[in-house]
Amino acid sequence: MKKPKINYAAFQNKKMIQSQPTTVNNFKRLFAYIIDWYAASMLAGIPVVLIYSIFFQDLEITQNITELPYPYSILAGIMAIIIYLAYFIFVPLKIYPGQTFAKKIMNIQVVKEDDSYVDFITLLKREAIGVMIVEGYIAASSSYFHQMINIFIGKDLNDIYVYVFGIITALSMLWACASPKRKMFHDYIAGTKLSIVVED
């Protein structure tokens, strides 16, 4: 008789996640993302608005860093990206394991494929590489990243960004809706999935 397999890696990663292996409702996922996107975008915009106000004496809420003089435009972009990513990495890492504030409300949790807690590297791959660079359309961090590229090369490539990354993001969302595991491209890149948290 074969011995049952024990997931030692998951035990070493604090403990096994108490979540259901069922797929997460797409509407719950969308609702959670909208809330998180708004919160993270507002926070990321703070350094941009502050630096903008220094040069133009105006507290206009804007994501446009190209109007700022170099190198302050790059500084504003870097600070905005760091803050945006921090929301999606620090909160799930240090406050609610695998959850942002909105995912906590919706009882959704990001976990690794083996159901263990996500770590810093996993979240960094998911949010920075998967969401910001590869899908590169919805997240505010992508907008700052693309504007910084425009500043460095001295050309406006926004039309290309819209078509290329818009298509990639649309395909990622369609794949998540159609596939049984409800995984977007950034989940495959990071080796993550969404689970429903079991209430005690």
N, C-alpha and C. Protein backbone atom coordinates (compact mmCIF):
# COMPACT_ATOMS: atom_id res chain seq x y z
N MET A 1 0.84 -1.20 0.00
CA MET A 1 0.00 0.00 0.00
C MET A 1 0.88 1.25 0.00
N LYS A 2 0.60 2.19 -0.92
CA LYS A 2 1.41 3.40 -1.03
C LYS A 2 1.11 4.37 0.10
N LYS A 3 2.17 5.01 0.58
CA LYS A 3 2.00 6.03 1.62
C LYS A 3 1.44 7.30 1.01
N PRO A 4 0.57 7.99 1.72
CA PRO A 4 0.05 9.24 1.20
C PRO A 4 1.14 10.29 1.08
N LYS A 5 1.08 11.09 0.03
CA LYS A 5 2.09 12.12 -0.19
C LYS A 5 1.81 13.33 0.70
N ILE A 6 2.86 13.85 1.30
CA ILE A 6 2.74 15.02 2.16
C ILE A 6 3.43 16.19 1.49
N ASN A 7 2.76 17.28 1.42
CA ASN A 7 3.31 18.49 0.80
C ASN A 7 4.19 19.22 1.81
N TYR A 8 5.46 18.76 1.92
CA TYR A 8 6.37 19.34 2.91
C TYR A 8 6.67 20.80 2.61
N ALA A 9 6.74 21.17 1.34
CA ALA A 9 7.04 22.56 0.98
C ALA A 9 5.99 23.49 1.54
N ALA A 10 4.75 23.08 1.48
CA ALA A 10 3.68 23.93 1.98
C ALA A 10 3.75 24.06 3.50
N PHE A 11 4.10 22.98 4.19
CA PHE A 11 4.24 23.05 5.64
C PHE A 11 5.38 23.96 6.05
N GLN A 12 6.46 23.96 5.27
CA GLN A 12 7.58 24.83 5.57
C GLN A 12 7.21 26.28 5.35
N ASN A 13 6.28 26.53 4.46
CA ASN A 13 5.85 27.90 4.17
C ASN A 13 4.71 28.28 5.11
N LYS A 14 5.01 28.24 6.43
CA LYS A 14 4.13 28.58 7.55
C LYS A 14 3.08 27.51 7.81
N LYS A 15 2.19 27.26 6.85
CA LYS A 15 1.16 26.24 7.01
C LYS A 15 0.41 26.10 5.70
N MET A 16 -0.40 25.05 5.63
CA MET A 16 -1.22 24.87 4.46
C MET A 16 -2.31 25.93 4.41
N ILE A 17 -2.62 26.39 3.24
CA ILE A 17 -3.68 27.36 3.08
C ILE A 17 -5.02 26.68 3.27
N GLN A 18 -5.85 27.26 4.10
CA GLN A 18 -7.19 26.72 4.29
C GLN A 18 -8.13 27.39 3.29
N SER A 19 -8.07 26.95 2.07
CA SER A 19 -8.92 27.51 1.04
C SER A 19 -9.47 26.39 0.17
N GLN A 20 -10.55 26.65 -0.48
CA GLN A 20 -11.19 25.65 -1.29
C GLN A 20 -10.55 25.61 -2.67
N PRO A 21 -10.42 24.42 -3.27
CA PRO A 21 -9.81 24.30 -4.60
C PRO A 21 -10.77 24.69 -5.72
N THR A 22 -11.96 25.18 -5.40
CA THR A 22 -12.92 25.56 -6.43
C THR A 22 -12.49 26.84 -7.12
N THR A 23 -13.01 27.06 -8.30
CA THR A 23 -12.65 28.25 -9.06
C THR A 23 -13.36 29.48 -8.50
N VAL A 24 -12.70 30.61 -8.63
CA VAL A 24 -13.23 31.87 -8.12
C VAL A 24 -14.17 32.47 -9.17
N ASN A 25 -15.29 32.97 -8.71
CA ASN A 25 -16.24 33.63 -9.59
C ASN A 25 -15.59 34.83 -10.27
N ASN A 26 -15.75 34.93 -11.59
CA ASN A 26 -15.11 36.01 -12.34
C ASN A 26 -15.60 37.39 -11.93
N PHE A 27 -16.87 37.49 -11.55
CA PHE A 27 -17.42 38.78 -11.14
C PHE A 27 -16.83 39.22 -9.80
N LYS A 28 -16.63 38.27 -8.90
CA LYS A 28 -15.99 38.59 -7.62
C LYS A 28 -14.56 39.04 -7.85
N ARG A 29 -13.88 38.37 -8.74
CA ARG A 29 -12.49 38.73 -9.06
C ARG A 29 -12.43 40.12 -9.68
N LEU A 30 -13.35 40.41 -10.61
CA LEU A 30 -13.38 41.71 -11.26
C LEU A 30 -13.69 42.82 -10.26
N PHE A 31 -14.67 42.58 -9.40
CA PHE A 31 -15.06 43.58 -8.41
C PHE A 31 -13.90 43.89 -7.47
N ALA A 32 -13.20 42.84 -7.03
CA ALA A 32 -12.05 43.03 -6.14
C ALA A 32 -10.95 43.81 -6.84
N TYR A 33 -10.72 43.50 -8.12
CA TYR A 33 -9.65 44.19 -8.84
C TYR A 33 -9.97 45.66 -9.05
N ILE A 34 -11.24 45.98 -9.32
CA ILE A 34 -11.62 47.38 -9.52
C ILE A 34 -11.33 48.19 -8.26
N ILE A 35 -11.69 47.62 -7.11
CA ILE A 35 -11.44 48.32 -5.84
C ILE A 35 -9.94 48.49 -5.61
N ASP A 36 -9.19 47.41 -5.81
CA ASP A 36 -7.73 47.47 -5.62
C ASP A 36 -7.07 48.41 -6.61
N TRP A 37 -7.53 48.38 -7.85
CA TRP A 37 -6.96 49.26 -8.88
C TRP A 37 -7.14 50.72 -8.49
N TYR A 38 -8.33 51.05 -8.03
CA TYR A 38 -8.62 52.43 -7.66
C TYR A 38 -7.76 52.86 -6.47
N ALA A 39 -7.68 52.00 -5.45
CA ALA A 39 -6.91 52.33 -4.25
C ALA A 39 -5.42 52.47 -4.57
N ALA A 40 -4.89 51.50 -5.32
CA ALA A 40 -3.46 51.53 -5.66
C ALA A 40 -3.13 52.70 -6.58
N SER A 41 -4.02 53.01 -7.51
CA SER A 41 -3.79 54.12 -8.44
C SER A 41 -3.78 55.46 -7.71
N MET A 42 -4.69 55.63 -6.75
CA MET A 42 -4.73 56.87 -5.98
C MET A 42 -3.45 57.04 -5.16
N LEU A 43 -2.99 55.96 -4.54
CA LEU A 43 -1.76 56.02 -3.74
C LEU A 43 -0.55 56.30 -4.62
N ALA A 44 -0.49 55.63 -5.78
CA ALA A 44 0.64 55.80 -6.69
C ALA A 44 0.69 57.22 -7.26
N GLY A 45 -0.47 57.85 -7.35
CA GLY A 45 -0.52 59.18 -7.92
C GLY A 45 -0.04 60.28 -6.99
N ILE A 46 0.12 59.96 -5.70
CA ILE A 46 0.52 60.98 -4.72
C ILE A 46 1.87 61.62 -5.06
N PRO A 47 2.95 60.83 -5.29
CA PRO A 47 4.23 61.49 -5.62
C PRO A 47 4.19 62.26 -6.93
N VAL A 48 3.38 61.79 -7.88
CA VAL A 48 3.26 62.48 -9.17
C VAL A 48 2.61 63.84 -8.96
N VAL A 49 1.52 63.86 -8.19
CA VAL A 49 0.81 65.12 -7.92
C VAL A 49 1.70 66.08 -7.15
N LEU A 50 2.43 65.57 -6.16
CA LEU A 50 3.29 66.43 -5.36
C LEU A 50 4.41 67.06 -6.19
N ILE A 51 5.07 66.24 -7.01
CA ILE A 51 6.15 66.76 -7.86
C ILE A 51 5.57 67.71 -8.91
N TYR A 52 4.41 67.37 -9.44
CA TYR A 52 3.74 68.23 -10.41
C TYR A 52 3.42 69.60 -9.80
N SER A 53 2.96 69.58 -8.54
CA SER A 53 2.59 70.84 -7.86
C SER A 53 3.80 71.73 -7.61
N ILE A 54 4.97 71.11 -7.42
CA ILE A 54 6.18 71.89 -7.18
C ILE A 54 6.53 72.74 -8.41
N PHE A 55 6.36 72.15 -9.58
CA PHE A 55 6.75 72.84 -10.81
C PHE A 55 5.64 73.73 -11.38
N PHE A 56 4.38 73.34 -11.16
CA PHE A 56 3.28 74.07 -11.80
C PHE A 56 2.35 74.73 -10.80
N GLN A 57 2.68 74.66 -9.49
CA GLN A 57 1.85 75.27 -8.44
C GLN A 57 0.36 74.92 -8.61
N ASP A 58 0.15 73.64 -8.89
CA ASP A 58 -1.21 73.17 -9.13
C ASP A 58 -1.33 71.73 -8.61
N LEU A 59 -2.36 71.48 -7.81
CA LEU A 59 -2.57 70.13 -7.27
C LEU A 59 -3.48 69.31 -8.18
N GLU A 60 -3.29 69.44 -9.46
CA GLU A 60 -4.10 68.68 -10.43
C GLU A 60 -3.79 67.19 -10.30
N ILE A 61 -4.84 66.37 -10.24
CA ILE A 61 -4.67 64.92 -10.17
C ILE A 61 -4.37 64.41 -11.58
N THR A 62 -3.18 63.89 -11.78
CA THR A 62 -2.77 63.46 -13.10
C THR A 62 -1.84 62.24 -13.01
N GLN A 63 -1.85 61.45 -14.07
CA GLN A 63 -0.91 60.34 -14.20
C GLN A 63 0.12 60.64 -15.28
N ASN A 64 0.05 61.82 -15.85
CA ASN A 64 0.94 62.19 -16.94
C ASN A 64 2.25 62.75 -16.39
N ILE A 65 3.31 61.94 -16.49
CA ILE A 65 4.62 62.39 -16.00
C ILE A 65 5.46 63.01 -17.11
N THR A 66 4.99 62.92 -18.35
CA THR A 66 5.79 63.44 -19.47
C THR A 66 5.85 64.96 -19.48
N GLU A 67 4.91 65.61 -18.78
CA GLU A 67 4.94 67.08 -18.72
C GLU A 67 5.98 67.60 -17.73
N LEU A 68 6.48 66.72 -16.87
CA LEU A 68 7.48 67.13 -15.89
C LEU A 68 8.85 67.20 -16.53
N PRO A 69 9.70 68.10 -16.06
CA PRO A 69 11.07 68.18 -16.61
C PRO A 69 11.89 66.96 -16.19
N TYR A 70 12.78 66.56 -17.10
CA TYR A 70 13.70 65.46 -16.81
C TYR A 70 14.78 65.95 -15.83
N PRO A 71 15.18 65.20 -14.81
CA PRO A 71 14.87 63.80 -14.53
C PRO A 71 13.72 63.61 -13.54
N TYR A 72 13.02 64.69 -13.20
CA TYR A 72 11.95 64.57 -12.21
C TYR A 72 10.78 63.73 -12.73
N SER A 73 10.62 63.71 -14.04
CA SER A 73 9.59 62.86 -14.62
C SER A 73 9.88 61.39 -14.35
N ILE A 74 11.16 61.01 -14.48
CA ILE A 74 11.57 59.63 -14.22
C ILE A 74 11.44 59.31 -12.73
N LEU A 75 11.84 60.27 -11.89
CA LEU A 75 11.72 60.08 -10.44
C LEU A 75 10.26 59.86 -10.04
N ALA A 76 9.37 60.68 -10.61
CA ALA A 76 7.95 60.54 -10.30
C ALA A 76 7.43 59.18 -10.76
N GLY A 77 7.86 58.74 -11.94
CA GLY A 77 7.44 57.44 -12.47
C GLY A 77 7.91 56.28 -11.61
N ILE A 78 9.17 56.34 -11.21
CA ILE A 78 9.72 55.26 -10.37
C ILE A 78 9.00 55.19 -9.03
N MET A 79 8.79 56.35 -8.41
CA MET A 79 8.10 56.38 -7.11
C MET A 79 6.67 55.87 -7.24
N ALA A 80 5.98 56.24 -8.32
CA ALA A 80 4.61 55.78 -8.53
C ALA A 80 4.54 54.27 -8.71
N ILE A 81 5.47 53.72 -9.49
CA ILE A 81 5.50 52.27 -9.71
C ILE A 81 5.80 51.53 -8.41
N ILE A 82 6.75 52.03 -7.64
CA ILE A 82 7.08 51.38 -6.37
C ILE A 82 5.88 51.35 -5.43
N ILE A 83 5.17 52.47 -5.33
CA ILE A 83 4.00 52.53 -4.45
C ILE A 83 2.89 51.62 -4.96
N TYR A 84 2.67 51.62 -6.27
CA TYR A 84 1.62 50.78 -6.85
C TYR A 84 1.92 49.30 -6.59
N LEU A 85 3.15 48.90 -6.86
CA LEU A 85 3.53 47.50 -6.65
C LEU A 85 3.52 47.14 -5.17
N ALA A 86 3.88 48.10 -4.32
CA ALA A 86 3.90 47.84 -2.88
C ALA A 86 2.52 47.47 -2.37
N TYR A 87 1.50 48.10 -2.93
CA TYR A 87 0.13 47.78 -2.51
C TYR A 87 -0.19 46.32 -2.80
N PHE A 88 0.19 45.85 -3.98
CA PHE A 88 -0.13 44.48 -4.39
C PHE A 88 0.87 43.45 -3.89
N ILE A 89 1.98 43.91 -3.31
CA ILE A 89 2.98 42.96 -2.79
C ILE A 89 3.05 43.03 -1.26
N PHE A 90 3.17 44.21 -0.69
CA PHE A 90 3.32 44.34 0.77
C PHE A 90 2.08 43.88 1.52
N VAL A 91 0.90 44.29 1.06
CA VAL A 91 -0.33 43.91 1.76
C VAL A 91 -0.54 42.39 1.78
N PRO A 92 -0.43 41.69 0.63
CA PRO A 92 -0.58 40.23 0.66
C PRO A 92 0.56 39.50 1.37
N LEU A 93 1.69 40.19 1.53
CA LEU A 93 2.85 39.55 2.14
C LEU A 93 2.89 39.76 3.65
N LYS A 94 2.50 40.95 4.11
CA LYS A 94 2.70 41.30 5.52
C LYS A 94 1.40 41.51 6.31
N ILE A 95 0.30 41.80 5.63
CA ILE A 95 -0.93 42.11 6.36
C ILE A 95 -1.94 40.98 6.28
N TYR A 96 -2.39 40.68 5.08
CA TYR A 96 -3.32 39.56 4.86
C TYR A 96 -2.67 38.59 3.88
N PRO A 97 -2.23 37.41 4.35
CA PRO A 97 -1.52 36.47 3.47
C PRO A 97 -2.28 36.19 2.17
N GLY A 98 -1.65 36.59 1.06
CA GLY A 98 -2.24 36.31 -0.24
C GLY A 98 -3.43 37.17 -0.60
N GLN A 99 -3.70 38.20 0.20
CA GLN A 99 -4.89 39.00 -0.04
C GLN A 99 -4.59 40.50 0.01
N THR A 100 -5.17 41.24 -0.91
CA THR A 100 -5.22 42.69 -0.80
C THR A 100 -6.45 43.01 0.04
N PHE A 101 -6.71 44.29 0.27
CA PHE A 101 -7.87 44.66 1.07
C PHE A 101 -9.17 44.23 0.39
N ALA A 102 -9.24 44.40 -0.92
CA ALA A 102 -10.46 44.01 -1.64
C ALA A 102 -10.62 42.50 -1.70
N LYS A 103 -9.53 41.78 -1.90
CA LYS A 103 -9.61 40.31 -1.91
C LYS A 103 -10.02 39.79 -0.54
N LYS A 104 -9.60 40.47 0.51
CA LYS A 104 -10.02 40.09 1.86
C LYS A 104 -11.53 40.21 2.00
N ILE A 105 -12.09 41.29 1.49
CA ILE A 105 -13.54 41.51 1.55
C ILE A 105 -14.29 40.44 0.76
N MET A 106 -13.73 40.06 -0.40
CA MET A 106 -14.40 39.11 -1.28
C MET A 106 -14.02 37.66 -0.99
N ASN A 107 -13.22 37.43 0.07
CA ASN A 107 -12.78 36.07 0.45
C ASN A 107 -12.02 35.36 -0.68
N ILE A 108 -11.19 36.14 -1.37
CA ILE A 108 -10.35 35.58 -2.43
C ILE A 108 -8.90 35.63 -1.97
N GLN A 109 -8.15 34.60 -2.30
CA GLN A 109 -6.75 34.53 -1.88
C GLN A 109 -5.86 34.06 -3.01
N VAL A 110 -4.71 34.73 -3.17
CA VAL A 110 -3.70 34.30 -4.14
C VAL A 110 -2.78 33.30 -3.46
N VAL A 111 -2.65 32.13 -4.05
CA VAL A 111 -1.78 31.10 -3.49
C VAL A 111 -0.91 30.52 -4.60
N LYS A 112 0.11 29.78 -4.20
CA LYS A 112 0.93 29.08 -5.17
C LYS A 112 0.18 27.85 -5.69
N GLU A 113 0.73 27.24 -6.71
CA GLU A 113 0.09 26.07 -7.30
C GLU A 113 -0.05 24.92 -6.31
N ASP A 114 0.88 24.84 -5.33
CA ASP A 114 0.82 23.76 -4.35
C ASP A 114 0.01 24.16 -3.12
N ASP A 115 -0.75 25.25 -3.23
CA ASP A 115 -1.62 25.75 -2.16
C ASP A 115 -0.86 26.35 -0.98
N SER A 116 0.42 26.65 -1.14
CA SER A 116 1.18 27.29 -0.08
C SER A 116 1.12 28.81 -0.24
N TYR A 117 1.51 29.52 0.81
CA TYR A 117 1.49 30.97 0.78
C TYR A 117 2.43 31.52 -0.29
N VAL A 118 2.02 32.62 -0.89
CA VAL A 118 2.90 33.30 -1.85
C VAL A 118 4.00 34.04 -1.10
N ASP A 119 5.17 34.12 -1.74
CA ASP A 119 6.30 34.84 -1.15
C ASP A 119 6.60 36.09 -1.99
N PHE A 120 7.63 36.81 -1.59
CA PHE A 120 7.96 38.09 -2.25
C PHE A 120 8.27 37.89 -3.73
N ILE A 121 9.11 36.91 -4.05
CA ILE A 121 9.50 36.68 -5.44
C ILE A 121 8.29 36.33 -6.30
N THR A 122 7.42 35.50 -5.76
CA THR A 122 6.22 35.10 -6.49
C THR A 122 5.33 36.30 -6.79
N LEU A 123 5.11 37.13 -5.78
CA LEU A 123 4.28 38.33 -5.97
C LEU A 123 4.93 39.33 -6.92
N LEU A 124 6.26 39.44 -6.84
CA LEU A 124 6.99 40.35 -7.73
C LEU A 124 6.84 39.90 -9.18
N LYS A 125 6.97 38.59 -9.43
CA LYS A 125 6.80 38.07 -10.79
C LYS A 125 5.37 38.28 -11.27
N ARG A 126 4.44 38.09 -10.36
CA ARG A 126 3.02 38.22 -10.73
C ARG A 126 2.65 39.65 -11.09
N GLU A 127 3.03 40.59 -10.23
CA GLU A 127 2.59 41.98 -10.40
C GLU A 127 3.50 42.81 -11.31
N ALA A 128 4.83 42.63 -11.18
CA ALA A 128 5.75 43.44 -11.97
C ALA A 128 5.94 42.89 -13.38
N ILE A 129 6.23 41.59 -13.48
CA ILE A 129 6.46 41.01 -14.80
C ILE A 129 5.14 40.69 -15.50
N GLY A 130 4.27 39.96 -14.80
CA GLY A 130 3.03 39.52 -15.42
C GLY A 130 2.05 40.64 -15.72
N VAL A 131 1.68 41.41 -14.69
CA VAL A 131 0.66 42.45 -14.84
C VAL A 131 1.22 43.71 -15.50
N MET A 132 2.33 44.22 -14.97
CA MET A 132 2.84 45.51 -15.43
C MET A 132 3.48 45.43 -16.82
N ILE A 133 4.30 44.41 -17.07
CA ILE A 133 5.07 44.35 -18.32
C ILE A 133 4.39 43.52 -19.40
N VAL A 134 4.04 42.27 -19.09
CA VAL A 134 3.50 41.37 -20.12
C VAL A 134 2.09 41.78 -20.54
N GLU A 135 1.18 41.87 -19.57
CA GLU A 135 -0.19 42.28 -19.92
C GLU A 135 -0.21 43.78 -20.20
N GLY A 136 0.41 44.55 -19.34
CA GLY A 136 0.77 45.93 -19.62
C GLY A 136 -0.29 46.88 -20.13
N TYR A 137 -1.50 46.77 -19.64
CA TYR A 137 -2.54 47.67 -20.17
C TYR A 137 -3.41 48.28 -19.09
N ILE A 138 -3.96 47.46 -18.19
CA ILE A 138 -4.93 47.95 -17.22
C ILE A 138 -4.26 48.64 -16.03
N ALA A 139 -3.18 48.07 -15.53
CA ALA A 139 -2.55 48.57 -14.30
C ALA A 139 -1.95 49.96 -14.51
N ALA A 140 -2.10 50.82 -13.50
CA ALA A 140 -1.52 52.16 -13.55
C ALA A 140 0.00 52.09 -13.63
N SER A 141 0.58 51.05 -13.05
CA SER A 141 2.03 50.89 -13.11
C SER A 141 2.51 50.75 -14.55
N SER A 142 1.69 50.12 -15.39
CA SER A 142 2.02 49.96 -16.81
C SER A 142 2.06 51.32 -17.50
N SER A 143 1.12 52.18 -17.15
CA SER A 143 1.08 53.52 -17.75
C SER A 143 2.34 54.30 -17.43
N TYR A 144 2.77 54.27 -16.16
CA TYR A 144 4.00 54.97 -15.78
C TYR A 144 5.22 54.35 -16.45
N PHE A 145 5.23 53.03 -16.54
CA PHE A 145 6.34 52.31 -17.16
C PHE A 145 6.46 52.69 -18.64
N HIS A 146 5.34 52.74 -19.34
CA HIS A 146 5.35 53.09 -20.76
C HIS A 146 5.75 54.56 -20.97
N GLN A 147 5.29 55.43 -20.10
CA GLN A 147 5.66 56.84 -20.21
C GLN A 147 7.16 57.03 -20.01
N MET A 148 7.74 56.26 -19.09
CA MET A 148 9.18 56.34 -18.86
C MET A 148 9.96 55.88 -20.09
N ILE A 149 9.44 54.84 -20.76
CA ILE A 149 10.08 54.39 -22.00
C ILE A 149 10.02 55.49 -23.05
N ASN A 150 8.85 56.13 -23.17
CA ASN A 150 8.70 57.24 -24.12
C ASN A 150 9.70 58.36 -23.85
N ILE A 151 9.90 58.68 -22.58
CA ILE A 151 10.83 59.74 -22.20
C ILE A 151 12.26 59.37 -22.57
N PHE A 152 12.63 58.12 -22.31
CA PHE A 152 14.00 57.69 -22.58
C PHE A 152 14.32 57.67 -24.08
N ILE A 153 13.37 57.20 -24.89
CA ILE A 153 13.64 57.07 -26.32
C ILE A 153 13.25 58.32 -27.11
N GLY A 154 12.50 59.23 -26.45
CA GLY A 154 12.11 60.47 -27.10
C GLY A 154 11.02 60.32 -28.15
N LYS A 155 10.22 59.26 -28.05
CA LYS A 155 9.13 59.03 -28.99
C LYS A 155 7.86 58.64 -28.24
N ASP A 156 6.73 58.98 -28.84
CA ASP A 156 5.43 58.63 -28.26
C ASP A 156 4.95 57.33 -28.89
N LEU A 157 4.99 56.25 -28.11
CA LEU A 157 4.58 54.94 -28.61
C LEU A 157 3.25 54.49 -28.02
N ASN A 158 2.46 55.44 -27.54
CA ASN A 158 1.22 55.10 -26.85
C ASN A 158 0.26 54.31 -27.72
N ASP A 159 0.18 54.63 -29.01
CA ASP A 159 -0.72 53.89 -29.90
C ASP A 159 -0.32 52.42 -30.00
N ILE A 160 0.99 52.19 -30.04
CA ILE A 160 1.48 50.81 -30.10
C ILE A 160 1.15 50.09 -28.80
N TYR A 161 1.36 50.77 -27.66
CA TYR A 161 1.05 50.17 -26.37
C TYR A 161 -0.42 49.75 -26.29
N VAL A 162 -1.29 50.65 -26.76
CA VAL A 162 -2.73 50.37 -26.68
C VAL A 162 -3.10 49.13 -27.48
N TYR A 163 -2.60 49.04 -28.71
CA TYR A 163 -2.95 47.89 -29.55
C TYR A 163 -2.31 46.60 -29.05
N VAL A 164 -1.01 46.61 -28.84
CA VAL A 164 -0.29 45.38 -28.47
C VAL A 164 -0.71 44.87 -27.10
N PHE A 165 -0.60 45.73 -26.09
CA PHE A 165 -0.89 45.27 -24.74
C PHE A 165 -2.39 45.19 -24.48
N GLY A 166 -3.17 45.95 -25.23
CA GLY A 166 -4.61 45.81 -25.13
C GLY A 166 -5.06 44.45 -25.59
N ILE A 167 -4.47 43.97 -26.69
CA ILE A 167 -4.80 42.64 -27.21
C ILE A 167 -4.34 41.55 -26.24
N ILE A 168 -3.12 41.69 -25.71
CA ILE A 168 -2.60 40.70 -24.77
C ILE A 168 -3.48 40.62 -23.53
N THR A 169 -3.88 41.78 -23.00
CA THR A 169 -4.73 41.79 -21.81
C THR A 169 -6.09 41.19 -22.11
N ALA A 170 -6.65 41.51 -23.27
CA ALA A 170 -7.96 40.96 -23.65
C ALA A 170 -7.89 39.44 -23.77
N LEU A 171 -6.81 38.94 -24.37
CA LEU A 171 -6.63 37.49 -24.49
C LEU A 171 -6.48 36.85 -23.12
N SER A 172 -5.75 37.52 -22.24
CA SER A 172 -5.55 37.00 -20.88
C SER A 172 -6.88 36.91 -20.14
N MET A 173 -7.72 37.92 -20.28
CA MET A 173 -9.02 37.93 -19.61
C MET A 173 -9.95 36.87 -20.21
N LEU A 174 -9.94 36.74 -21.53
CA LEU A 174 -10.77 35.73 -22.19
C LEU A 174 -10.33 34.33 -21.78
N TRP A 175 -9.00 34.14 -21.69
CA TRP A 175 -8.48 32.83 -21.28
C TRP A 175 -8.94 32.50 -19.86
N ALA A 176 -8.92 33.50 -18.98
CA ALA A 176 -9.35 33.29 -17.60
C ALA A 176 -10.83 32.93 -17.52
N CYS A 177 -11.61 33.52 -18.39
CA CYS A 177 -13.05 33.23 -18.40
C CYS A 177 -13.35 31.84 -18.96
N ALA A 178 -12.54 31.43 -19.93
CA ALA A 178 -12.81 30.16 -20.62
C ALA A 178 -12.15 28.95 -19.98
N SER A 179 -11.01 29.16 -19.32
CA SER A 179 -10.27 28.03 -18.77
C SER A 179 -10.86 27.57 -17.44
N PRO A 180 -10.80 26.29 -17.14
CA PRO A 180 -11.36 25.76 -15.89
C PRO A 180 -10.71 26.36 -14.64
N LYS A 181 -9.40 26.68 -14.70
CA LYS A 181 -8.70 27.19 -13.52
C LYS A 181 -8.83 28.70 -13.33
N ARG A 182 -9.46 29.39 -14.30
CA ARG A 182 -9.66 30.84 -14.21
C ARG A 182 -8.35 31.61 -14.02
N LYS A 183 -7.30 31.15 -14.69
CA LYS A 183 -5.99 31.78 -14.53
C LYS A 183 -5.70 32.73 -15.69
N MET A 184 -5.25 33.94 -15.35
CA MET A 184 -4.79 34.88 -16.36
C MET A 184 -3.31 34.63 -16.62
N PHE A 185 -2.77 35.32 -17.62
CA PHE A 185 -1.38 35.08 -18.00
C PHE A 185 -0.42 35.34 -16.85
N HIS A 186 -0.70 36.38 -16.04
CA HIS A 186 0.21 36.68 -14.93
C HIS A 186 0.22 35.56 -13.89
N ASP A 187 -0.86 34.80 -13.80
CA ASP A 187 -0.88 33.65 -12.88
C ASP A 187 0.04 32.54 -13.38
N TYR A 188 0.05 32.33 -14.68
CA TYR A 188 0.95 31.31 -15.24
C TYR A 188 2.41 31.72 -15.07
N ILE A 189 2.69 33.00 -15.26
CA ILE A 189 4.07 33.50 -15.12
C ILE A 189 4.58 33.32 -13.70
N ALA A 190 3.73 33.61 -12.72
CA ALA A 190 4.14 33.54 -11.31
C ALA A 190 3.90 32.18 -10.67
N GLY A 191 3.16 31.31 -11.35
CA GLY A 191 2.82 30.01 -10.75
C GLY A 191 1.83 30.16 -9.62
N THR A 192 0.83 31.02 -9.82
CA THR A 192 -0.17 31.27 -8.78
C THR A 192 -1.57 30.92 -9.28
N LYS A 193 -2.50 30.92 -8.36
CA LYS A 193 -3.91 30.72 -8.67
C LYS A 193 -4.73 31.41 -7.60
N LEU A 194 -6.00 31.57 -7.86
CA LEU A 194 -6.90 32.16 -6.88
C LEU A 194 -7.73 31.08 -6.23
N SER A 195 -7.90 31.20 -4.90
CA SER A 195 -8.73 30.25 -4.16
C SER A 195 -9.74 31.00 -3.31
N ILE A 196 -10.76 30.30 -2.94
CA ILE A 196 -11.79 30.86 -2.06
C ILE A 196 -11.42 30.55 -0.63
N VAL A 197 -11.34 31.55 0.21
CA VAL A 197 -10.94 31.36 1.61
C VAL A 197 -12.08 30.70 2.38
N VAL A 198 -11.73 29.70 3.15
CA VAL A 198 -12.72 29.01 3.97
C VAL A 198 -12.88 29.76 5.28
N GLU A 199 -14.09 30.17 5.58
CA GLU A 199 -14.36 30.86 6.84
C GLU A 199 -14.42 29.87 7.98
N ASP A 200 -13.73 30.22 9.09
CA ASP A 200 -13.76 29.34 10.27
C ASP A 200 -15.10 29.44 10.98
